[in-house]
Amino acid sequence: MMAFMQGWKKTALIVTSCVLIIAMVSVWMWVDLGAADGTASVIGASAGLIGLTYALISGNSSQQTSPSLTVANTGKASAVSGSTANTGITLSATGGFAHVSAEETGDADSDGTGDANTGIRLS
């Protein structure tokens, strides 16, 4: 669960957990065990609700992240006389990818009427 948390979210979760633990131990030390039992139940339920709320909020935002796409080490593309050659990827400009990159693509040759692509073409 901690692997996808960053910055203030992780800090807030740690601080809240520490405060709840300190509160629970303090109640055990200053009141009798009967009152501590009831208080610990309330604190435990509160911690559970905080964790559930965080999981619901975080789970939703992490599912909306778009994947990335990389094209690498493509070969040579040659197009002549109105033909199309593609050794990369052609995709819609609204393809839903968060990050698109092309690395070490091959050569693209065209006679002027052809259409050659070795990387990423957005249509």
N, C-alpha and C. Protein backbone atom coordinates (compact mmCIF):
# COMPACT_ATOMS: atom_id res chain seq x y z
N MET A 1 0.82 -1.18 0.00
CA MET A 1 0.00 0.00 0.00
C MET A 1 0.87 1.25 0.00
N MET A 2 2.00 1.24 0.68
CA MET A 2 2.84 2.42 0.79
C MET A 2 3.60 2.71 -0.50
N ALA A 3 3.70 1.75 -1.42
CA ALA A 3 4.51 1.93 -2.62
C ALA A 3 3.97 3.03 -3.53
N PHE A 4 2.65 3.20 -3.58
CA PHE A 4 2.10 4.21 -4.47
C PHE A 4 1.85 5.54 -3.79
N MET A 5 2.04 5.62 -2.48
CA MET A 5 1.82 6.89 -1.79
C MET A 5 3.03 7.78 -1.91
N GLN A 6 2.76 9.08 -2.02
CA GLN A 6 3.85 10.03 -2.15
C GLN A 6 3.58 11.25 -1.28
N GLY A 7 4.67 11.93 -0.91
CA GLY A 7 4.60 13.25 -0.28
C GLY A 7 3.72 13.33 0.94
N TRP A 8 2.84 14.32 0.90
CA TRP A 8 2.04 14.66 2.08
C TRP A 8 1.07 13.54 2.45
N LYS A 9 0.63 12.73 1.51
CA LYS A 9 -0.30 11.65 1.83
C LYS A 9 0.35 10.63 2.76
N LYS A 10 1.58 10.26 2.43
CA LYS A 10 2.31 9.30 3.27
C LYS A 10 2.56 9.89 4.65
N THR A 11 2.98 11.16 4.70
CA THR A 11 3.25 11.82 5.98
C THR A 11 1.98 11.90 6.82
N ALA A 12 0.85 12.28 6.20
CA ALA A 12 -0.41 12.40 6.93
C ALA A 12 -0.85 11.05 7.49
N LEU A 13 -0.68 9.99 6.72
CA LEU A 13 -1.06 8.66 7.19
C LEU A 13 -0.19 8.22 8.38
N ILE A 14 1.10 8.48 8.31
CA ILE A 14 2.01 8.11 9.40
C ILE A 14 1.71 8.91 10.66
N VAL A 15 1.52 10.23 10.51
CA VAL A 15 1.23 11.09 11.67
C VAL A 15 -0.10 10.67 12.32
N THR A 16 -1.13 10.44 11.52
CA THR A 16 -2.44 10.04 12.06
C THR A 16 -2.33 8.71 12.79
N SER A 17 -1.61 7.77 12.24
CA SER A 17 -1.43 6.47 12.89
C SER A 17 -0.71 6.61 14.23
N CYS A 18 0.35 7.43 14.25
CA CYS A 18 1.10 7.65 15.50
C CYS A 18 0.23 8.30 16.56
N VAL A 19 -0.57 9.30 16.18
CA VAL A 19 -1.45 9.97 17.13
C VAL A 19 -2.46 8.99 17.71
N LEU A 20 -3.03 8.14 16.88
CA LEU A 20 -3.99 7.15 17.37
C LEU A 20 -3.33 6.14 18.31
N ILE A 21 -2.13 5.72 18.01
CA ILE A 21 -1.43 4.77 18.89
C ILE A 21 -1.11 5.41 20.23
N ILE A 22 -0.62 6.65 20.21
CA ILE A 22 -0.31 7.36 21.46
C ILE A 22 -1.57 7.57 22.29
N ALA A 23 -2.67 7.93 21.64
CA ALA A 23 -3.93 8.13 22.36
C ALA A 23 -4.38 6.83 23.02
N MET A 24 -4.28 5.73 22.32
CA MET A 24 -4.71 4.45 22.86
C MET A 24 -3.84 4.03 24.06
N VAL A 25 -2.53 4.18 23.96
CA VAL A 25 -1.64 3.82 25.06
C VAL A 25 -1.88 4.75 26.25
N SER A 26 -2.11 6.03 26.00
CA SER A 26 -2.38 6.98 27.09
C SER A 26 -3.64 6.61 27.86
N VAL A 27 -4.69 6.23 27.16
CA VAL A 27 -5.93 5.82 27.83
C VAL A 27 -5.68 4.58 28.67
N TRP A 28 -4.92 3.63 28.17
CA TRP A 28 -4.64 2.42 28.96
C TRP A 28 -3.89 2.76 30.23
N MET A 29 -3.03 3.76 30.20
CA MET A 29 -2.23 4.10 31.37
C MET A 29 -3.01 4.92 32.40
N TRP A 30 -3.95 5.76 31.99
CA TRP A 30 -4.58 6.70 32.92
C TRP A 30 -5.96 6.29 33.41
N VAL A 31 -6.58 5.33 32.79
CA VAL A 31 -7.90 4.91 33.27
C VAL A 31 -7.89 3.41 33.51
N ASP A 32 -8.97 2.93 34.10
CA ASP A 32 -9.03 1.49 34.35
C ASP A 32 -9.25 0.73 33.04
N LEU A 33 -9.04 -0.56 33.07
CA LEU A 33 -9.09 -1.36 31.85
C LEU A 33 -10.49 -1.42 31.23
N GLY A 34 -11.53 -1.29 32.04
CA GLY A 34 -12.89 -1.29 31.50
C GLY A 34 -13.13 -0.09 30.60
N ALA A 35 -12.72 1.09 31.08
CA ALA A 35 -12.87 2.30 30.26
C ALA A 35 -11.91 2.26 29.08
N ALA A 36 -10.71 1.72 29.30
CA ALA A 36 -9.73 1.63 28.22
C ALA A 36 -10.24 0.73 27.11
N ASP A 37 -10.95 -0.33 27.46
CA ASP A 37 -11.48 -1.25 26.47
C ASP A 37 -12.46 -0.53 25.54
N GLY A 38 -13.36 0.23 26.12
CA GLY A 38 -14.34 0.97 25.31
C GLY A 38 -13.68 2.04 24.45
N THR A 39 -12.73 2.74 25.05
CA THR A 39 -12.04 3.81 24.32
C THR A 39 -11.20 3.22 23.18
N ALA A 40 -10.53 2.12 23.44
CA ALA A 40 -9.71 1.48 22.41
C ALA A 40 -10.59 1.01 21.25
N SER A 41 -11.79 0.57 21.55
CA SER A 41 -12.71 0.16 20.49
C SER A 41 -13.08 1.33 19.60
N VAL A 42 -13.34 2.47 20.20
CA VAL A 42 -13.69 3.67 19.43
C VAL A 42 -12.49 4.13 18.60
N ILE A 43 -11.30 4.13 19.21
CA ILE A 43 -10.10 4.55 18.48
C ILE A 43 -9.81 3.57 17.34
N GLY A 44 -9.96 2.29 17.58
CA GLY A 44 -9.74 1.29 16.53
C GLY A 44 -10.72 1.44 15.38
N ALA A 45 -11.98 1.68 15.73
CA ALA A 45 -12.99 1.88 14.68
C ALA A 45 -12.68 3.15 13.88
N SER A 46 -12.22 4.20 14.56
CA SER A 46 -11.86 5.44 13.87
C SER A 46 -10.69 5.21 12.91
N ALA A 47 -9.69 4.47 13.37
CA ALA A 47 -8.54 4.16 12.51
C ALA A 47 -8.98 3.35 11.29
N GLY A 48 -9.88 2.41 11.50
CA GLY A 48 -10.39 1.62 10.39
C GLY A 48 -11.14 2.46 9.37
N LEU A 49 -11.96 3.38 9.85
CA LEU A 49 -12.69 4.26 8.93
C LEU A 49 -11.76 5.19 8.17
N ILE A 50 -10.73 5.70 8.84
CA ILE A 50 -9.74 6.55 8.16
C ILE A 50 -9.02 5.75 7.07
N GLY A 51 -8.61 4.53 7.39
CA GLY A 51 -7.93 3.68 6.42
C GLY A 51 -8.83 3.32 5.24
N LEU A 52 -10.09 3.01 5.51
CA LEU A 52 -11.04 2.69 4.45
C LEU A 52 -11.28 3.88 3.54
N THR A 53 -11.46 5.05 4.14
CA THR A 53 -11.67 6.27 3.36
C THR A 53 -10.46 6.55 2.47
N TYR A 54 -9.27 6.43 3.03
CA TYR A 54 -8.06 6.67 2.25
C TYR A 54 -7.94 5.67 1.10
N ALA A 55 -8.23 4.40 1.37
CA ALA A 55 -8.13 3.38 0.33
C ALA A 55 -9.13 3.64 -0.79
N LEU A 56 -10.32 4.07 -0.45
CA LEU A 56 -11.33 4.37 -1.48
C LEU A 56 -10.91 5.56 -2.33
N ILE A 57 -10.40 6.59 -1.69
CA ILE A 57 -9.97 7.79 -2.43
C ILE A 57 -8.75 7.48 -3.28
N SER A 58 -7.76 6.82 -2.72
CA SER A 58 -6.53 6.50 -3.45
C SER A 58 -6.77 5.49 -4.56
N GLY A 59 -7.59 4.51 -4.31
CA GLY A 59 -7.88 3.50 -5.30
C GLY A 59 -8.52 4.09 -6.54
N ASN A 60 -9.39 5.04 -6.36
CA ASN A 60 -10.06 5.69 -7.48
C ASN A 60 -9.09 6.50 -8.32
N SER A 61 -8.23 7.27 -7.69
CA SER A 61 -7.31 8.12 -8.45
C SER A 61 -6.24 7.30 -9.15
N SER A 62 -5.81 6.18 -8.58
CA SER A 62 -4.78 5.38 -9.22
C SER A 62 -5.32 4.64 -10.44
N GLN A 63 -6.61 4.35 -10.48
CA GLN A 63 -7.19 3.66 -11.63
C GLN A 63 -7.36 4.60 -12.81
N GLN A 64 -7.36 5.91 -12.59
CA GLN A 64 -7.56 6.86 -13.65
C GLN A 64 -6.25 7.21 -14.35
N THR A 65 -5.14 6.72 -13.87
CA THR A 65 -3.86 7.02 -14.48
C THR A 65 -3.74 6.27 -15.80
N SER A 66 -3.37 6.98 -16.83
CA SER A 66 -3.23 6.37 -18.15
C SER A 66 -1.87 5.69 -18.28
N PRO A 67 -1.81 4.64 -19.06
CA PRO A 67 -0.54 3.94 -19.25
C PRO A 67 0.41 4.71 -20.15
N SER A 68 1.66 4.32 -20.16
CA SER A 68 2.63 4.94 -21.04
C SER A 68 2.94 3.99 -22.20
N LEU A 69 3.50 4.55 -23.27
CA LEU A 69 3.80 3.79 -24.46
C LEU A 69 5.17 4.20 -24.96
N THR A 70 6.04 3.22 -25.25
CA THR A 70 7.38 3.50 -25.76
C THR A 70 7.63 2.68 -27.02
N VAL A 71 8.15 3.33 -28.04
CA VAL A 71 8.58 2.66 -29.26
C VAL A 71 10.10 2.73 -29.28
N ALA A 72 10.77 1.58 -29.45
CA ALA A 72 12.23 1.57 -29.41
C ALA A 72 12.80 0.62 -30.46
N ASN A 73 13.97 0.99 -30.96
CA ASN A 73 14.73 0.15 -31.88
C ASN A 73 13.94 -0.30 -33.11
N THR A 74 13.27 0.63 -33.74
CA THR A 74 12.51 0.28 -34.94
C THR A 74 13.45 0.19 -36.14
N GLY A 75 13.01 -0.50 -37.14
CA GLY A 75 13.82 -0.65 -38.35
C GLY A 75 13.59 0.49 -39.33
N LYS A 76 14.05 0.30 -40.55
CA LYS A 76 13.94 1.31 -41.59
C LYS A 76 12.58 1.21 -42.27
N ALA A 77 11.99 2.36 -42.58
CA ALA A 77 10.73 2.40 -43.30
C ALA A 77 10.95 3.15 -44.61
N SER A 78 10.59 2.52 -45.74
CA SER A 78 10.74 3.14 -47.06
C SER A 78 9.40 3.12 -47.77
N ALA A 79 8.97 4.27 -48.25
CA ALA A 79 7.69 4.37 -48.94
C ALA A 79 7.90 5.06 -50.28
N VAL A 80 7.29 4.51 -51.34
CA VAL A 80 7.39 5.08 -52.68
C VAL A 80 6.02 5.13 -53.33
N SER A 81 5.85 6.06 -54.26
CA SER A 81 4.66 6.15 -55.10
C SER A 81 3.35 6.12 -54.32
N GLY A 82 3.23 6.96 -53.33
CA GLY A 82 1.97 7.07 -52.58
C GLY A 82 1.73 5.96 -51.57
N SER A 83 2.68 5.08 -51.36
CA SER A 83 2.49 4.00 -50.39
C SER A 83 2.80 4.49 -48.98
N THR A 84 2.48 3.68 -48.01
CA THR A 84 2.73 4.00 -46.60
C THR A 84 3.59 2.90 -46.00
N ALA A 85 4.62 3.30 -45.26
CA ALA A 85 5.46 2.35 -44.54
C ALA A 85 5.58 2.80 -43.10
N ASN A 86 5.42 1.86 -42.18
CA ASN A 86 5.44 2.21 -40.77
C ASN A 86 6.11 1.09 -39.98
N THR A 87 7.19 1.40 -39.27
CA THR A 87 7.81 0.43 -38.37
C THR A 87 7.62 0.85 -36.91
N GLY A 88 6.85 1.90 -36.72
CA GLY A 88 6.56 2.39 -35.37
C GLY A 88 5.11 2.13 -35.02
N ILE A 89 4.46 3.14 -34.49
CA ILE A 89 3.06 3.02 -34.07
C ILE A 89 2.29 4.23 -34.58
N THR A 90 1.08 3.99 -35.05
CA THR A 90 0.16 5.06 -35.40
C THR A 90 -1.02 4.95 -34.44
N LEU A 91 -1.34 6.04 -33.77
CA LEU A 91 -2.46 6.02 -32.84
C LEU A 91 -3.17 7.36 -32.83
N SER A 92 -4.35 7.36 -32.29
CA SER A 92 -5.16 8.56 -32.20
C SER A 92 -4.52 9.54 -31.22
N ALA A 93 -4.66 10.84 -31.52
CA ALA A 93 -4.11 11.85 -30.61
C ALA A 93 -4.80 11.80 -29.26
N THR A 94 -5.98 11.23 -29.20
CA THR A 94 -6.70 11.07 -27.94
C THR A 94 -6.62 9.62 -27.48
N GLY A 95 -5.47 8.98 -27.70
CA GLY A 95 -5.28 7.57 -27.39
C GLY A 95 -5.32 7.23 -25.92
N GLY A 96 -5.28 8.22 -25.04
CA GLY A 96 -5.38 7.96 -23.61
C GLY A 96 -4.08 7.57 -22.94
N PHE A 97 -2.95 7.79 -23.59
CA PHE A 97 -1.67 7.46 -22.99
C PHE A 97 -1.12 8.68 -22.27
N ALA A 98 -0.64 8.49 -21.04
CA ALA A 98 -0.09 9.59 -20.25
C ALA A 98 1.27 10.02 -20.78
N HIS A 99 2.05 9.08 -21.27
CA HIS A 99 3.41 9.38 -21.72
C HIS A 99 3.71 8.53 -22.95
N VAL A 100 4.10 9.18 -24.03
CA VAL A 100 4.44 8.49 -25.27
C VAL A 100 5.85 8.90 -25.65
N SER A 101 6.73 7.93 -25.96
CA SER A 101 8.09 8.27 -26.33
C SER A 101 8.60 7.32 -27.41
N ALA A 102 9.57 7.82 -28.20
CA ALA A 102 10.23 7.02 -29.23
C ALA A 102 11.73 7.11 -29.00
N GLU A 103 12.40 5.95 -29.02
CA GLU A 103 13.83 5.90 -28.75
C GLU A 103 14.54 5.07 -29.83
N GLU A 104 15.67 5.58 -30.30
CA GLU A 104 16.50 4.87 -31.26
C GLU A 104 15.71 4.30 -32.42
N THR A 105 14.94 5.16 -33.06
CA THR A 105 14.13 4.71 -34.20
C THR A 105 14.99 4.60 -35.45
N GLY A 106 14.50 3.84 -36.42
CA GLY A 106 15.23 3.64 -37.67
C GLY A 106 15.04 4.81 -38.62
N ASP A 107 15.59 4.67 -39.82
CA ASP A 107 15.49 5.71 -40.85
C ASP A 107 14.14 5.61 -41.55
N ALA A 108 13.62 6.77 -41.96
CA ALA A 108 12.38 6.82 -42.73
C ALA A 108 12.70 7.48 -44.06
N ASP A 109 12.49 6.76 -45.17
CA ASP A 109 12.77 7.28 -46.51
C ASP A 109 11.48 7.31 -47.31
N SER A 110 11.30 8.41 -48.05
CA SER A 110 10.13 8.55 -48.91
C SER A 110 10.56 9.24 -50.20
N ASP A 111 9.92 8.88 -51.30
CA ASP A 111 10.27 9.50 -52.58
C ASP A 111 9.54 10.82 -52.78
N GLY A 112 8.84 11.30 -51.81
CA GLY A 112 8.11 12.56 -51.92
C GLY A 112 6.61 12.34 -51.99
N THR A 113 6.19 11.22 -52.55
CA THR A 113 4.76 10.92 -52.59
C THR A 113 4.40 9.81 -51.61
N GLY A 114 5.40 9.14 -51.06
CA GLY A 114 5.17 8.09 -50.08
C GLY A 114 5.11 8.67 -48.67
N ASP A 115 4.74 7.82 -47.73
CA ASP A 115 4.59 8.24 -46.34
C ASP A 115 5.30 7.22 -45.45
N ALA A 116 6.45 7.59 -44.87
CA ALA A 116 7.23 6.65 -44.05
C ALA A 116 7.32 7.15 -42.61
N ASN A 117 7.20 6.20 -41.68
CA ASN A 117 7.24 6.53 -40.25
C ASN A 117 7.98 5.42 -39.50
N THR A 118 8.93 5.79 -38.64
CA THR A 118 9.62 4.80 -37.81
C THR A 118 9.42 5.06 -36.33
N GLY A 119 8.65 6.05 -35.99
CA GLY A 119 8.46 6.39 -34.58
C GLY A 119 6.99 6.31 -34.20
N ILE A 120 6.46 7.42 -33.72
CA ILE A 120 5.06 7.48 -33.29
C ILE A 120 4.35 8.53 -34.13
N ARG A 121 3.25 8.15 -34.70
CA ARG A 121 2.45 9.09 -35.49
C ARG A 121 1.10 9.25 -34.79
N LEU A 122 0.76 10.47 -34.47
CA LEU A 122 -0.54 10.78 -33.90
C LEU A 122 -1.47 11.23 -35.01
N SER A 123 -2.62 10.63 -35.10
CA SER A 123 -3.57 10.99 -36.15
C SER A 123 -4.79 11.68 -35.58
